[in-house]
Amino acid sequence: MTLRLEPLDKKSHDRKSFDCGLERVNEFLWREARNQMDKKINRTWVLVDDEPPMCCRLRLWVISP
């Protein structure tokens, strides 16, 4: 398993498979994170695994000013 930290990308990260057990965090990732990145409100990073399936499976980081 090779892990890599990447900025959230709706084309390459399967956000719907992410489930941390906290509904508000899940909803944020599914619906708001990318929009807020586009508006420069935050930067959202995900830790991804190189092994299939590539997904946001371990951690989510959000950085805002």
PDB file of N, CA and C in Angstrom:
ATOM      1  N   MET A   1       0.851  -1.171   0.000  1.00  0.00           N
ATOM      2  CA  MET A   1       0.000   0.000   0.000  1.00  0.00           C
ATOM      3  C   MET A   1       0.898   1.235   0.000  1.00  0.00           C
ATOM      4  N   THR A   2       0.678   2.133  -0.960  1.00  0.00           N
ATOM      5  CA  THR A   2       1.385   3.401  -1.036  1.00  0.00           C
ATOM      6  C   THR A   2       0.370   4.516  -0.857  1.00  0.00           C
ATOM      7  N   LEU A   3       0.587   5.357   0.137  1.00  0.00           N
ATOM      8  CA  LEU A   3      -0.335   6.443   0.426  1.00  0.00           C
ATOM      9  C   LEU A   3       0.236   7.764  -0.052  1.00  0.00           C
ATOM     10  N   ARG A   4      -0.667   8.633  -0.483  1.00  0.00           N
ATOM     11  CA  ARG A   4      -0.257   9.917  -1.032  1.00  0.00           C
ATOM     12  C   ARG A   4      -1.291  10.974  -0.638  1.00  0.00           C
ATOM     13  N   LEU A   5      -0.836  12.173  -0.271  1.00  0.00           N
ATOM     14  CA  LEU A   5      -1.715  13.283   0.071  1.00  0.00           C
ATOM     15  C   LEU A   5      -1.940  14.125  -1.176  1.00  0.00           C
ATOM     16  N   GLU A   6      -3.221  14.363  -1.511  1.00  0.00           N
ATOM     17  CA  GLU A   6      -3.558  15.106  -2.729  1.00  0.00           C
ATOM     18  C   GLU A   6      -4.666  16.101  -2.441  1.00  0.00           C
ATOM     19  N   PRO A   7      -4.688  17.235  -3.176  1.00  0.00           N
ATOM     20  CA  PRO A   7      -5.841  18.128  -3.088  1.00  0.00           C
ATOM     21  C   PRO A   7      -7.080  17.396  -3.620  1.00  0.00           C
ATOM     22  N   LEU A   8      -8.215  17.639  -3.016  1.00  0.00           N
ATOM     23  CA  LEU A   8      -9.459  17.013  -3.449  1.00  0.00           C
ATOM     24  C   LEU A   8      -9.735  17.334  -4.909  1.00  0.00           C
ATOM     25  N   ASP A   9     -10.040  16.313  -5.690  1.00  0.00           N
ATOM     26  CA  ASP A   9     -10.351  16.461  -7.111  1.00  0.00           C
ATOM     27  C   ASP A   9     -11.582  15.617  -7.414  1.00  0.00           C
ATOM     28  N   LYS A  10     -12.670  16.274  -7.821  1.00  0.00           N
ATOM     29  CA  LYS A  10     -13.922  15.536  -8.040  1.00  0.00           C
ATOM     30  C   LYS A  10     -13.824  14.530  -9.181  1.00  0.00           C
ATOM     31  N   LYS A  11     -12.875  14.713 -10.085  1.00  0.00           N
ATOM     32  CA  LYS A  11     -12.742  13.774 -11.199  1.00  0.00           C
ATOM     33  C   LYS A  11     -11.978  12.509 -10.819  1.00  0.00           C
ATOM     34  N   SER A  12     -11.043  12.621  -9.888  1.00  0.00           N
ATOM     35  CA  SER A  12     -10.226  11.444  -9.586  1.00  0.00           C
ATOM     36  C   SER A  12     -10.474  10.835  -8.209  1.00  0.00           C
ATOM     37  N   HIS A  13     -11.253  11.507  -7.352  1.00  0.00           N
ATOM     38  CA  HIS A  13     -11.534  10.962  -6.020  1.00  0.00           C
ATOM     39  C   HIS A  13     -13.012  10.608  -5.890  1.00  0.00           C
ATOM     40  N   ASP A  14     -13.261   9.402  -5.457  1.00  0.00           N
ATOM     41  CA  ASP A  14     -14.624   8.907  -5.261  1.00  0.00           C
ATOM     42  C   ASP A  14     -15.122   9.367  -3.895  1.00  0.00           C
ATOM     43  N   ARG A  15     -15.685  10.568  -3.864  1.00  0.00           N
ATOM     44  CA  ARG A  15     -16.123  11.151  -2.598  1.00  0.00           C
ATOM     45  C   ARG A  15     -17.283  10.388  -1.982  1.00  0.00           C
ATOM     46  N   LYS A  16     -18.124   9.797  -2.787  1.00  0.00           N
ATOM     47  CA  LYS A  16     -19.301   9.079  -2.258  1.00  0.00           C
ATOM     48  C   LYS A  16     -18.915   7.845  -1.454  1.00  0.00           C
ATOM     49  N   SER A  17     -17.735   7.294  -1.685  1.00  0.00           N
ATOM     50  CA  SER A  17     -17.330   6.114  -0.921  1.00  0.00           C
ATOM     51  C   SER A  17     -16.752   6.493   0.445  1.00  0.00           C
ATOM     52  N   PHE A  18     -16.473   7.787   0.648  1.00  0.00           N
ATOM     53  CA  PHE A  18     -15.931   8.251   1.929  1.00  0.00           C
ATOM     54  C   PHE A  18     -17.006   8.179   3.000  1.00  0.00           C
ATOM     55  N   ASP A  19     -16.680   7.586   4.137  1.00  0.00           N
ATOM     56  CA  ASP A  19     -17.593   7.553   5.282  1.00  0.00           C
ATOM     57  C   ASP A  19     -16.766   7.475   6.549  1.00  0.00           C
ATOM     58  N   CYS A  20     -16.721   8.586   7.282  1.00  0.00           N
ATOM     59  CA  CYS A  20     -15.942   8.624   8.516  1.00  0.00           C
ATOM     60  C   CYS A  20     -16.806   8.316   9.730  1.00  0.00           C
ATOM     61  N   GLY A  21     -18.100   8.122   9.516  1.00  0.00           N
ATOM     62  CA  GLY A  21     -19.003   7.848  10.623  1.00  0.00           C
ATOM     63  C   GLY A  21     -19.662   9.094  11.185  1.00  0.00           C
ATOM     64  N   LEU A  22     -19.257  10.267  10.730  1.00  0.00           N
ATOM     65  CA  LEU A  22     -19.865  11.524  11.163  1.00  0.00           C
ATOM     66  C   LEU A  22     -20.610  12.133   9.978  1.00  0.00           C
ATOM     67  N   GLU A  23     -21.913  12.134  10.043  1.00  0.00           N
ATOM     68  CA  GLU A  23     -22.736  12.559   8.910  1.00  0.00           C
ATOM     69  C   GLU A  23     -22.402  13.980   8.434  1.00  0.00           C
ATOM     70  N   ARG A  24     -22.164  14.908   9.367  1.00  0.00           N
ATOM     71  CA  ARG A  24     -21.853  16.288   8.959  1.00  0.00           C
ATOM     72  C   ARG A  24     -20.550  16.364   8.174  1.00  0.00           C
ATOM     73  N   VAL A  25     -19.555  15.590   8.560  1.00  0.00           N
ATOM     74  CA  VAL A  25     -18.275  15.577   7.836  1.00  0.00           C
ATOM     75  C   VAL A  25     -18.464  14.931   6.466  1.00  0.00           C
ATOM     76  N   ASN A  26     -19.193  13.820   6.426  1.00  0.00           N
ATOM     77  CA  ASN A  26     -19.474  13.166   5.145  1.00  0.00           C
ATOM     78  C   ASN A  26     -20.194  14.120   4.200  1.00  0.00           C
ATOM     79  N   GLU A  27     -21.235  14.782   4.686  1.00  0.00           N
ATOM     80  CA  GLU A  27     -22.006  15.724   3.859  1.00  0.00           C
ATOM     81  C   GLU A  27     -21.124  16.867   3.365  1.00  0.00           C
ATOM     82  N   PHE A  28     -20.245  17.363   4.235  1.00  0.00           N
ATOM     83  CA  PHE A  28     -19.342  18.437   3.823  1.00  0.00           C
ATOM     84  C   PHE A  28     -18.483  17.985   2.650  1.00  0.00           C
ATOM     85  N   LEU A  29     -17.890  16.809   2.761  1.00  0.00           N
ATOM     86  CA  LEU A  29     -17.036  16.321   1.680  1.00  0.00           C
ATOM     87  C   LEU A  29     -17.843  16.090   0.410  1.00  0.00           C
ATOM     88  N   TRP A  30     -19.014  15.504   0.546  1.00  0.00           N
ATOM     89  CA  TRP A  30     -19.828  15.184  -0.629  1.00  0.00           C
ATOM     90  C   TRP A  30     -20.350  16.435  -1.328  1.00  0.00           C
ATOM     91  N   ARG A  31     -20.722  17.477  -0.560  1.00  0.00           N
ATOM     92  CA  ARG A  31     -21.458  18.596  -1.145  1.00  0.00           C
ATOM     93  C   ARG A  31     -20.742  19.948  -1.129  1.00  0.00           C
ATOM     94  N   GLU A  32     -19.876  20.207  -0.159  1.00  0.00           N
ATOM     95  CA  GLU A  32     -19.356  21.551   0.029  1.00  0.00           C
ATOM     96  C   GLU A  32     -17.862  21.736  -0.225  1.00  0.00           C
ATOM     97  N   ALA A  33     -17.064  20.743   0.056  1.00  0.00           N
ATOM     98  CA  ALA A  33     -15.612  20.920   0.044  1.00  0.00           C
ATOM     99  C   ALA A  33     -15.088  21.463  -1.283  1.00  0.00           C
ATOM    100  N   ARG A  34     -15.483  20.854  -2.377  1.00  0.00           N
ATOM    101  CA  ARG A  34     -14.989  21.282  -3.687  1.00  0.00           C
ATOM    102  C   ARG A  34     -15.461  22.698  -4.018  1.00  0.00           C
ATOM    103  N   ASN A  35     -16.719  23.022  -3.731  1.00  0.00           N
ATOM    104  CA  ASN A  35     -17.236  24.364  -3.993  1.00  0.00           C
ATOM    105  C   ASN A  35     -16.462  25.411  -3.198  1.00  0.00           C
ATOM    106  N   GLN A  36     -16.157  25.100  -1.930  1.00  0.00           N
ATOM    107  CA  GLN A  36     -15.410  26.049  -1.111  1.00  0.00           C
ATOM    108  C   GLN A  36     -13.972  26.192  -1.604  1.00  0.00           C
ATOM    109  N   MET A  37     -13.394  25.139  -2.137  1.00  0.00           N
ATOM    110  CA  MET A  37     -12.057  25.248  -2.726  1.00  0.00           C
ATOM    111  C   MET A  37     -12.089  26.179  -3.930  1.00  0.00           C
ATOM    112  N   ASP A  38     -13.116  26.032  -4.778  1.00  0.00           N
ATOM    113  CA  ASP A  38     -13.235  26.879  -5.965  1.00  0.00           C
ATOM    114  C   ASP A  38     -13.374  28.350  -5.591  1.00  0.00           C
ATOM    115  N   LYS A  39     -14.032  28.617  -4.458  1.00  0.00           N
ATOM    116  CA  LYS A  39     -14.234  29.995  -3.976  1.00  0.00           C
ATOM    117  C   LYS A  39     -13.069  30.475  -3.110  1.00  0.00           C
ATOM    118  N   LYS A  40     -12.045  29.639  -2.967  1.00  0.00           N
ATOM    119  CA  LYS A  40     -10.850  29.940  -2.164  1.00  0.00           C
ATOM    120  C   LYS A  40     -11.183  30.175  -0.691  1.00  0.00           C
ATOM    121  N   ILE A  41     -12.182  29.453  -0.193  1.00  0.00           N
ATOM    122  CA  ILE A  41     -12.548  29.502   1.217  1.00  0.00           C
ATOM    123  C   ILE A  41     -11.676  28.526   2.000  1.00  0.00           C
ATOM    124  N   ASN A  42     -11.333  27.395   1.398  1.00  0.00           N
ATOM    125  CA  ASN A  42     -10.503  26.400   2.067  1.00  0.00           C
ATOM    126  C   ASN A  42      -9.693  25.615   1.051  1.00  0.00           C
ATOM    127  N   ARG A  43      -8.838  24.755   1.566  1.00  0.00           N
ATOM    128  CA  ARG A  43      -8.135  23.754   0.762  1.00  0.00           C
ATOM    129  C   ARG A  43      -8.431  22.422   1.421  1.00  0.00           C
ATOM    130  N   THR A  44      -8.961  21.490   0.666  1.00  0.00           N
ATOM    131  CA  THR A  44      -9.288  20.171   1.191  1.00  0.00           C
ATOM    132  C   THR A  44      -8.331  19.159   0.590  1.00  0.00           C
ATOM    133  N   TRP A  45      -7.725  18.362   1.458  1.00  0.00           N
ATOM    134  CA  TRP A  45      -6.757  17.348   1.053  1.00  0.00           C
ATOM    135  C   TRP A  45      -7.264  15.983   1.487  1.00  0.00           C
ATOM    136  N   VAL A  46      -6.954  14.976   0.692  1.00  0.00           N
ATOM    137  CA  VAL A  46      -7.321  13.603   1.028  1.00  0.00           C
ATOM    138  C   VAL A  46      -6.085  12.720   0.931  1.00  0.00           C
ATOM    139  N   LEU A  47      -6.070  11.700   1.758  1.00  0.00           N
ATOM    140  CA  LEU A  47      -5.008  10.707   1.715  1.00  0.00           C
ATOM    141  C   LEU A  47      -5.526   9.538   0.901  1.00  0.00           C
ATOM    142  N   VAL A  48      -4.866   9.252  -0.217  1.00  0.00           N
ATOM    143  CA  VAL A  48      -5.342   8.200  -1.114  1.00  0.00           C
ATOM    144  C   VAL A  48      -4.345   7.051  -1.174  1.00  0.00           C
ATOM    145  N   ASP A  49      -4.876   5.912  -1.520  1.00  0.00           N
ATOM    146  CA  ASP A  49      -4.102   4.684  -1.656  1.00  0.00           C
ATOM    147  C   ASP A  49      -3.909   4.409  -3.142  1.00  0.00           C
ATOM    148  N   ASP A  50      -2.700   4.070  -3.554  1.00  0.00           N
ATOM    149  CA  ASP A  50      -2.425   3.757  -4.961  1.00  0.00           C
ATOM    150  C   ASP A  50      -3.085   2.463  -5.418  1.00  0.00           C
ATOM    151  N   GLU A  51      -3.436   1.592  -4.481  1.00  0.00           N
ATOM    152  CA  GLU A  51      -4.053   0.318  -4.840  1.00  0.00           C
ATOM    153  C   GLU A  51      -5.525   0.544  -5.212  1.00  0.00           C
ATOM    154  N   PRO A  52      -6.028  -0.155  -6.236  1.00  0.00           N
ATOM    155  CA  PRO A  52      -7.444  -0.015  -6.584  1.00  0.00           C
ATOM    156  C   PRO A  52      -8.326  -0.485  -5.441  1.00  0.00           C
ATOM    157  N   PRO A  53      -9.487   0.077  -5.226  1.00  0.00           N
ATOM    158  CA  PRO A  53      -9.965   1.275  -5.918  1.00  0.00           C
ATOM    159  C   PRO A  53      -9.364   2.527  -5.301  1.00  0.00           C
ATOM    160  N   MET A  54      -8.995   3.486  -6.136  1.00  0.00           N
ATOM    161  CA  MET A  54      -8.478   4.750  -5.621  1.00  0.00           C
ATOM    162  C   MET A  54      -9.629   5.498  -4.987  1.00  0.00           C
ATOM    163  N   CYS A  55      -9.498   5.847  -3.750  1.00  0.00           N
ATOM    164  CA  CYS A  55     -10.583   6.565  -3.081  1.00  0.00           C
ATOM    165  C   CYS A  55     -10.051   7.342  -1.892  1.00  0.00           C
ATOM    166  N   CYS A  56     -10.896   8.167  -1.359  1.00  0.00           N
ATOM    167  CA  CYS A  56     -10.553   8.944  -0.167  1.00  0.00           C
ATOM    168  C   CYS A  56     -10.839   8.042   1.017  1.00  0.00           C
ATOM    169  N   ARG A  57      -9.921   7.146   1.360  1.00  0.00           N
ATOM    170  CA  ARG A  57     -10.296   6.113   2.295  1.00  0.00           C
ATOM    171  C   ARG A  57      -9.779   6.258   3.710  1.00  0.00           C
ATOM    172  N   LEU A  58      -8.812   7.114   3.952  1.00  0.00           N
ATOM    173  CA  LEU A  58      -8.253   7.147   5.292  1.00  0.00           C
ATOM    174  C   LEU A  58      -8.490   8.443   6.050  1.00  0.00           C
ATOM    175  N   ARG A  59      -8.141   9.554   5.478  1.00  0.00           N
ATOM    176  CA  ARG A  59      -8.201  10.818   6.209  1.00  0.00           C
ATOM    177  C   ARG A  59      -8.659  11.954   5.307  1.00  0.00           C
ATOM    178  N   LEU A  60      -9.205  12.966   5.934  1.00  0.00           N
ATOM    179  CA  LEU A  60      -9.629  14.185   5.244  1.00  0.00           C
ATOM    180  C   LEU A  60      -9.065  15.359   6.025  1.00  0.00           C
ATOM    181  N   TRP A  61      -8.417  16.302   5.338  1.00  0.00           N
ATOM    182  CA  TRP A  61      -7.919  17.521   5.972  1.00  0.00           C
ATOM    183  C   TRP A  61      -8.528  18.725   5.270  1.00  0.00           C
ATOM    184  N   VAL A  62      -8.970  19.689   6.038  1.00  0.00           N
ATOM    185  CA  VAL A  62      -9.479  20.942   5.487  1.00  0.00           C
ATOM    186  C   VAL A  62      -8.716  22.056   6.156  1.00  0.00           C
ATOM    187  N   ILE A  63      -8.144  22.937   5.335  1.00  0.00           N
ATOM    188  CA  ILE A  63      -7.388  24.071   5.846  1.00  0.00           C
ATOM    189  C   ILE A  63      -8.074  25.339   5.363  1.00  0.00           C
ATOM    190  N   SER A  64      -8.372  26.215   6.305  1.00  0.00           N
ATOM    191  CA  SER A  64      -8.980  27.497   5.908  1.00  0.00           C
ATOM    192  C   SER A  64      -8.268  28.624   6.649  1.00  0.00           C
ATOM    193  N   PRO A  65      -8.255  29.815   6.022  1.00  0.00           N
ATOM    194  CA  PRO A  65      -7.544  30.939   6.641  1.00  0.00           C
ATOM    195  C   PRO A  65      -8.225  31.413   7.917  1.00  0.00           C
TER     196      PRO A  65
END
